[in-house]
Protein backbone atom coordinates (compact mmCIF):
# COMPACT_ATOMS: atom_id res chain seq x y z
CA MET A 1 21.96 142.93 91.22
CA GLU A 2 23.21 139.64 93.26
CA GLN A 3 23.70 139.50 96.73
CA ALA A 4 27.60 138.72 97.96
CA PRO A 5 27.84 134.92 99.10
CA GLY A 6 28.85 136.14 102.64
CA ASN A 7 25.48 138.69 102.98
CA PRO A 8 22.83 136.64 101.59
CA GLU A 9 19.14 137.73 101.47
CA ARG A 10 17.19 136.14 104.27
CA PRO A 11 13.16 136.42 103.40
CA ALA A 12 11.60 137.80 106.68
CA ALA A 13 9.16 135.10 108.49
CA GLU A 14 6.25 135.76 110.90
CA GLY A 15 8.08 133.26 113.39
CA GLY A 16 11.32 135.32 113.28
CA LEU A 17 13.01 132.69 111.19
CA PRO A 18 14.09 133.05 107.78
CA GLY A 19 12.38 131.41 104.95
CA CYS A 20 14.14 128.90 102.44
CA TYR A 21 15.47 130.65 99.41
CA ARG A 22 13.62 128.45 97.19
CA HIS A 23 10.38 127.96 99.44
CA PRO A 24 10.02 131.39 101.18
CA ASP A 25 6.61 129.95 102.98
CA ARG A 26 9.00 127.46 105.13
CA GLU A 27 10.65 128.69 108.20
CA THR A 28 14.08 127.23 108.92
CA GLY A 29 16.99 127.70 110.87
CA ILE A 30 19.44 125.80 108.63
CA SER A 31 21.87 127.77 105.95
CA CYS A 32 23.70 126.66 103.28
CA VAL A 33 27.45 126.28 104.68
CA ARG A 34 28.72 127.73 101.10
CA CYS A 35 26.50 130.69 100.20
CA GLU A 36 24.79 130.64 103.90
CA ARG A 37 21.18 131.06 102.18
CA PRO A 38 18.38 129.66 104.38
CA ILE A 39 17.35 126.12 103.42
CA CYS A 40 14.19 123.96 104.15
CA PRO A 41 14.32 120.33 104.76
CA ASP A 42 13.43 119.50 101.22
CA CYS A 43 16.54 121.56 99.94
CA MET A 44 19.17 120.28 102.27
CA ILE A 45 21.94 118.17 100.70
CA SER A 46 24.30 116.76 103.15
CA ALA A 47 28.07 118.01 102.76
CA SER A 48 31.02 116.56 104.55
CA VAL A 49 30.40 119.40 107.27
CA GLY A 50 26.77 120.50 107.42
CA PHE A 51 24.32 121.12 104.58
CA GLN A 52 24.66 122.56 101.07
CA CYS A 53 21.79 124.15 98.80
CA PRO A 54 20.64 122.52 95.57
CA ASP A 55 22.33 125.32 93.54
CA CYS A 56 26.10 125.20 95.40
CA VAL A 57 26.22 121.31 94.67
CA ARG A 58 24.96 121.67 91.24
CA SER A 59 27.53 124.42 90.64
CA GLY A 60 30.42 122.58 92.60
CA SER A 61 31.18 126.02 94.22
CA GLY A 62 34.08 125.84 96.00
CA THR A 63 34.50 122.57 96.32
CA GLY A 64 37.16 121.68 93.83
CA HIS A 65 35.38 118.85 92.35
CA ALA A 66 33.14 118.61 89.20
CA PRO A 67 29.43 119.22 89.48
CA GLY A 68 27.50 116.38 90.63
CA ALA A 69 30.68 114.98 93.22
CA ASN A 70 28.20 115.40 96.06
CA ARG A 71 25.49 113.10 95.85
CA PRO A 72 22.11 114.58 97.08
CA ARG A 73 21.14 113.09 100.40
CA THR A 74 17.66 112.76 101.99
CA LEU A 75 16.61 114.21 105.40
CA ALA A 76 17.89 111.01 107.36
CA GLY A 77 21.26 110.97 105.37
CA GLY A 78 20.16 108.37 103.10
CA VAL A 79 21.17 108.68 99.50
CA GLN A 80 18.43 110.17 96.80
CA THR A 81 17.60 107.90 94.17
CA ALA A 82 15.81 107.79 90.90
CA ASP A 83 12.71 105.75 92.37
CA PRO A 84 12.10 106.75 95.85
CA ARG A 85 9.37 103.91 96.21
CA LEU A 86 11.43 100.97 95.08
CA VAL A 87 11.53 99.34 98.66
CA THR A 88 8.09 99.98 99.07
CA LYS A 89 7.16 98.22 95.36
CA ILE A 90 9.22 95.21 96.56
CA LEU A 91 7.43 94.86 100.07
CA LEU A 92 4.24 95.37 98.23
CA ALA A 93 4.89 92.65 95.86
CA VAL A 94 6.30 90.39 98.63
CA ASN A 95 3.04 90.79 100.58
CA VAL A 96 0.90 89.81 97.49
CA ALA A 97 2.91 86.99 96.37
CA VAL A 98 2.83 85.40 100.01
CA TRP A 99 -0.90 86.03 99.90
CA ILE A 100 -1.36 84.13 96.65
CA ALA A 101 0.75 81.32 98.03
CA ALA A 102 -1.78 81.38 100.81
CA LEU A 103 -4.54 81.32 98.79
CA VAL A 104 -3.22 78.19 96.62
CA ILE A 105 -1.57 75.86 99.55
CA GLN A 106 -4.18 77.27 102.27
CA ASP A 107 -4.16 76.12 105.67
CA ARG A 108 -0.93 74.10 105.92
CA PHE A 109 0.88 77.28 104.59
CA ILE A 110 -0.82 79.70 107.01
CA ASP A 111 -0.32 77.53 110.03
CA SER A 112 3.42 77.06 109.16
CA LEU A 113 4.07 80.88 109.05
CA ASP A 114 1.76 82.64 111.32
CA MET A 115 2.63 84.36 114.73
CA ILE A 116 1.87 82.15 117.64
CA GLY A 117 3.63 81.66 121.30
CA LEU A 118 3.00 78.06 122.00
CA ALA A 119 0.62 75.51 121.01
CA VAL A 120 -0.15 72.05 119.78
CA ASP A 121 -0.75 71.70 116.04
CA ARG A 122 -4.13 70.32 115.63
CA GLY A 123 -3.05 68.33 112.30
CA THR A 124 0.08 66.75 113.77
CA GLY A 125 -0.28 67.06 117.54
CA GLU A 126 3.70 68.25 117.25
CA VAL A 127 4.41 71.39 119.65
CA VAL A 128 4.59 74.44 117.60
CA GLY A 129 5.42 78.57 118.15
CA VAL A 130 8.16 80.81 118.53
CA ALA A 131 8.91 79.48 122.20
CA ASP A 132 9.55 76.01 120.75
CA GLY A 133 12.26 77.65 118.51
CA GLU A 134 10.44 78.96 115.55
CA TRP A 135 11.46 82.48 115.81
CA TYR A 136 10.93 83.07 112.01
CA ARG A 137 7.29 83.36 112.85
CA LEU A 138 8.04 86.87 114.32
CA LEU A 139 8.75 88.30 110.67
CA THR A 140 7.11 85.63 108.43
CA SER A 141 3.60 86.36 109.91
CA ALA A 142 4.09 90.06 108.93
CA PHE A 143 3.79 89.35 105.57
CA LEU A 144 1.02 86.64 105.83
CA HIS A 145 -2.76 87.65 104.82
CA GLU A 146 -5.89 85.62 104.47
CA GLN A 147 -8.76 87.69 103.63
CA PRO A 148 -8.85 90.10 100.69
CA MET A 149 -9.83 93.26 102.62
CA HIS A 150 -7.45 92.55 105.20
CA ILE A 151 -4.61 92.62 102.61
CA ALA A 152 -6.14 95.57 100.54
CA PHE A 153 -6.16 97.88 103.64
CA ASN A 154 -2.74 97.05 104.81
CA MET A 155 -1.25 97.40 101.06
CA LEU A 156 -3.42 100.63 100.62
CA GLY A 157 -1.56 101.97 104.05
CA LEU A 158 1.94 100.70 102.70
CA TRP A 159 1.71 102.58 99.43
CA TRP A 160 0.28 105.99 100.90
CA LEU A 161 2.90 105.76 103.84
CA GLY A 162 5.67 104.13 102.76
CA GLY A 163 6.47 106.21 99.64
CA PRO A 164 7.20 109.53 101.32
CA LEU A 165 8.85 108.01 104.16
CA GLU A 166 11.11 106.14 101.95
CA ALA A 167 11.86 109.20 99.96
CA ALA A 168 12.64 111.22 103.44
CA LEU A 169 14.71 108.04 105.14
CA GLY A 170 16.58 106.45 102.11
CA ARG A 171 16.25 102.70 101.12
CA VAL A 172 18.22 101.08 104.03
CA ARG A 173 16.70 103.25 106.86
CA TYR A 174 13.23 102.70 105.44
CA LEU A 175 13.73 99.01 105.04
CA ALA A 176 15.14 98.83 109.01
CA LEU A 177 11.94 101.01 110.18
CA TYR A 178 9.65 98.71 108.62
CA LEU A 179 11.10 95.25 109.61
CA LEU A 180 11.61 96.50 113.27
CA SER A 181 8.02 97.68 113.18
CA ALA A 182 7.05 94.33 111.94
CA LEU A 183 9.17 92.42 114.86
CA GLY A 184 8.18 95.02 117.43
CA GLY A 185 4.28 93.97 116.66
CA SER A 186 4.86 90.39 116.95
CA ALA A 187 6.91 90.83 120.15
CA LEU A 188 4.38 92.71 121.73
CA SER A 189 1.72 90.14 120.42
CA TYR A 190 4.04 87.19 121.93
CA LEU A 191 4.46 89.00 125.21
CA LEU A 192 0.39 89.82 125.72
CA ALA A 193 -1.62 87.34 123.62
CA ALA A 194 -2.70 84.11 124.46
CA GLN A 195 0.02 81.52 124.05
CA ASN A 196 -2.21 79.59 121.61
CA GLN A 197 -3.71 82.63 119.89
CA PRO A 198 -2.35 82.85 116.28
CA SER A 199 -2.16 86.20 114.42
CA LEU A 200 -0.94 87.28 110.81
CA GLY A 201 -0.82 90.07 108.77
CA ALA A 202 1.40 93.57 108.18
CA SER A 203 -0.74 95.74 110.40
CA GLY A 204 2.11 96.12 112.93
CA ALA A 205 4.66 97.28 110.15
CA ILE A 206 2.17 99.81 108.81
CA PHE A 207 1.26 101.03 112.29
CA GLY A 208 4.94 101.52 112.51
CA LEU A 209 5.14 103.60 109.32
CA LEU A 210 2.18 105.45 110.69
CA GLY A 211 4.03 106.33 113.73
CA ALA A 212 6.96 107.17 111.98
CA THR A 213 5.05 109.70 109.71
CA VAL A 214 3.82 111.33 112.83
CA VAL A 215 7.61 112.22 113.86
CA LEU A 216 8.70 113.02 110.53
CA LEU A 217 6.06 115.62 109.94
CA ARG A 218 6.62 117.07 113.38
CA ARG A 219 10.32 117.07 112.75
CA MET A 220 9.21 118.95 109.09
CA ASN A 221 6.97 121.42 110.83
CA GLN A 222 4.29 120.16 108.27
CA ASP A 223 0.74 119.97 108.67
CA MET A 224 -0.07 117.16 111.12
CA ARG A 225 -3.92 117.05 111.11
CA PRO A 226 -4.48 114.56 108.46
CA VAL A 227 -2.12 111.91 109.94
CA VAL A 228 -3.28 112.42 113.40
CA ILE A 229 -6.92 111.78 112.16
CA LEU A 230 -5.64 108.74 110.51
CA LEU A 231 -3.93 107.66 113.48
CA VAL A 232 -6.73 108.25 115.77
CA LEU A 233 -9.27 106.26 113.57
CA ASN A 234 -6.99 103.45 113.08
CA LEU A 235 -6.70 103.23 117.05
CA PHE A 236 -10.65 103.45 117.64
CA ILE A 237 -10.97 100.66 115.01
CA THR A 238 -8.19 98.58 116.80
CA PHE A 239 -9.81 98.70 120.42
CA THR A 240 -13.51 98.26 118.85
CA TRP A 241 -13.60 95.60 116.16
CA ALA A 242 -13.46 91.94 117.14
CA ASP A 243 -10.60 89.64 116.07
CA ILE A 244 -7.94 92.40 115.88
CA ALA A 245 -4.45 91.89 117.27
CA TRP A 246 -4.23 95.14 119.06
CA GLN A 247 -0.69 93.96 120.55
CA ALA A 248 0.75 93.91 117.12
CA HIS A 249 -0.81 97.47 116.06
CA ILE A 250 0.37 98.94 119.36
CA GLY A 251 3.84 97.26 119.35
CA GLY A 252 4.55 98.46 115.68
CA LEU A 253 3.24 101.82 116.33
CA VAL A 254 5.98 102.24 119.46
CA VAL A 255 8.67 101.06 117.48
CA GLY A 256 8.32 102.77 114.20
CA ALA A 257 7.91 105.88 116.17
CA ALA A 258 11.12 105.44 118.08
CA VAL A 259 13.12 104.50 115.37
CA ALA A 260 12.03 107.32 113.08
CA PHE A 261 12.78 109.77 115.95
CA GLY A 262 16.43 108.47 116.44
CA MET A 263 16.65 108.76 112.35
CA VAL A 264 15.25 112.19 111.99
CA HIS A 265 16.60 113.69 114.95
CA ALA A 266 20.16 112.44 114.82
CA PRO A 267 22.75 114.97 115.23
CA ARG A 268 24.46 115.62 111.85
CA GLY A 269 28.00 115.01 112.95
CA ARG A 270 27.15 111.56 114.59
CA ARG A 271 24.16 110.83 112.56
CA GLU A 272 24.78 107.27 111.24
CA LEU A 273 26.26 106.19 114.78
CA VAL A 274 23.16 107.82 116.31
CA GLN A 275 20.55 106.08 113.99
CA TRP A 276 22.12 102.51 113.83
CA LEU A 277 22.56 102.60 117.64
CA THR A 278 18.97 103.57 118.02
CA CYS A 279 17.98 100.47 115.79
CA GLY A 280 20.06 98.27 117.92
CA ALA A 281 18.51 99.39 121.30
CA VAL A 282 15.08 99.09 119.62
CA LEU A 283 16.28 95.41 118.70
CA LEU A 284 17.89 94.66 122.11
CA ALA A 285 14.17 95.44 123.76
CA ILE A 286 12.78 93.51 121.37
CA ALA A 287 14.93 90.53 122.25
CA VAL A 288 14.55 91.10 125.75
CA VAL A 289 10.82 91.16 125.42
CA LEU A 290 11.25 87.72 123.59
CA TRP A 291 13.53 86.17 126.13
CA VAL A 292 11.20 87.07 129.07
CA ARG A 293 8.19 85.58 127.53
CA THR A 294 9.88 82.40 126.47
CA LEU A 295 10.93 82.02 130.13
CA GLN A 296 7.12 82.50 131.36
CA LEU A 297 5.94 79.97 128.68
CA LEU A 298 8.61 77.26 129.32
CA GLY A 299 9.26 77.67 132.94
């Protein structure tokens, strides 16, 4: 016997919240706006108002549209795609391509793209650095690697952390998270590191993905122990090993967590507005850091 739509079966759960109708072991406070069955984050599909369950979307129940008219959405409101790792694959390919170029062209290529505040180029005697107007270094340095182990660890982190985040956020939001994390890492390095200290690598962006993963798992009430252990281990390495730009790691971590928080906790009614205001506020904070440091170096 079927339950009437207005009186759905709600599985009992230990914490007092019902369990998802497809995943009874997952507690949730969200229900489908059409059949009122409880749905977990993996089953939520954004509708014009609230969320629908996958069954109602497939059937077109009560919509007046053909099935599939409502495109499935991610937890953060992005469009679900056939390949949820496409941007991660592209980012990985770009990093590897830049690394190969650095192997071929070597020092001249690296010196022109790495992160440096203000210094005199030893080869040409010219003043170089972000403070001299080379703002592109803030981003190009995040795609630059020298040592095989350096790029190997960063790309492993990108693949392991990036795929689930891209699937949860959607492509555009995920790319914004990655690039802002990279910029946040470079900005804190610019602010706190010695002005003539060069740095490079995707570690700031990877730490941003790590911070975002902590926020996402917390939002979805999933087991956070593995990622917390990974975070603690990486922070230990950051502050105990030599020749590591800890400023980039911390800057990326803070920015990644902040952007992810705004994306996954944005209220449904003003989701996109809150998400992009969060990104704008983070970008503005980065700009202020760059402005303050530039005044210090040129003042």
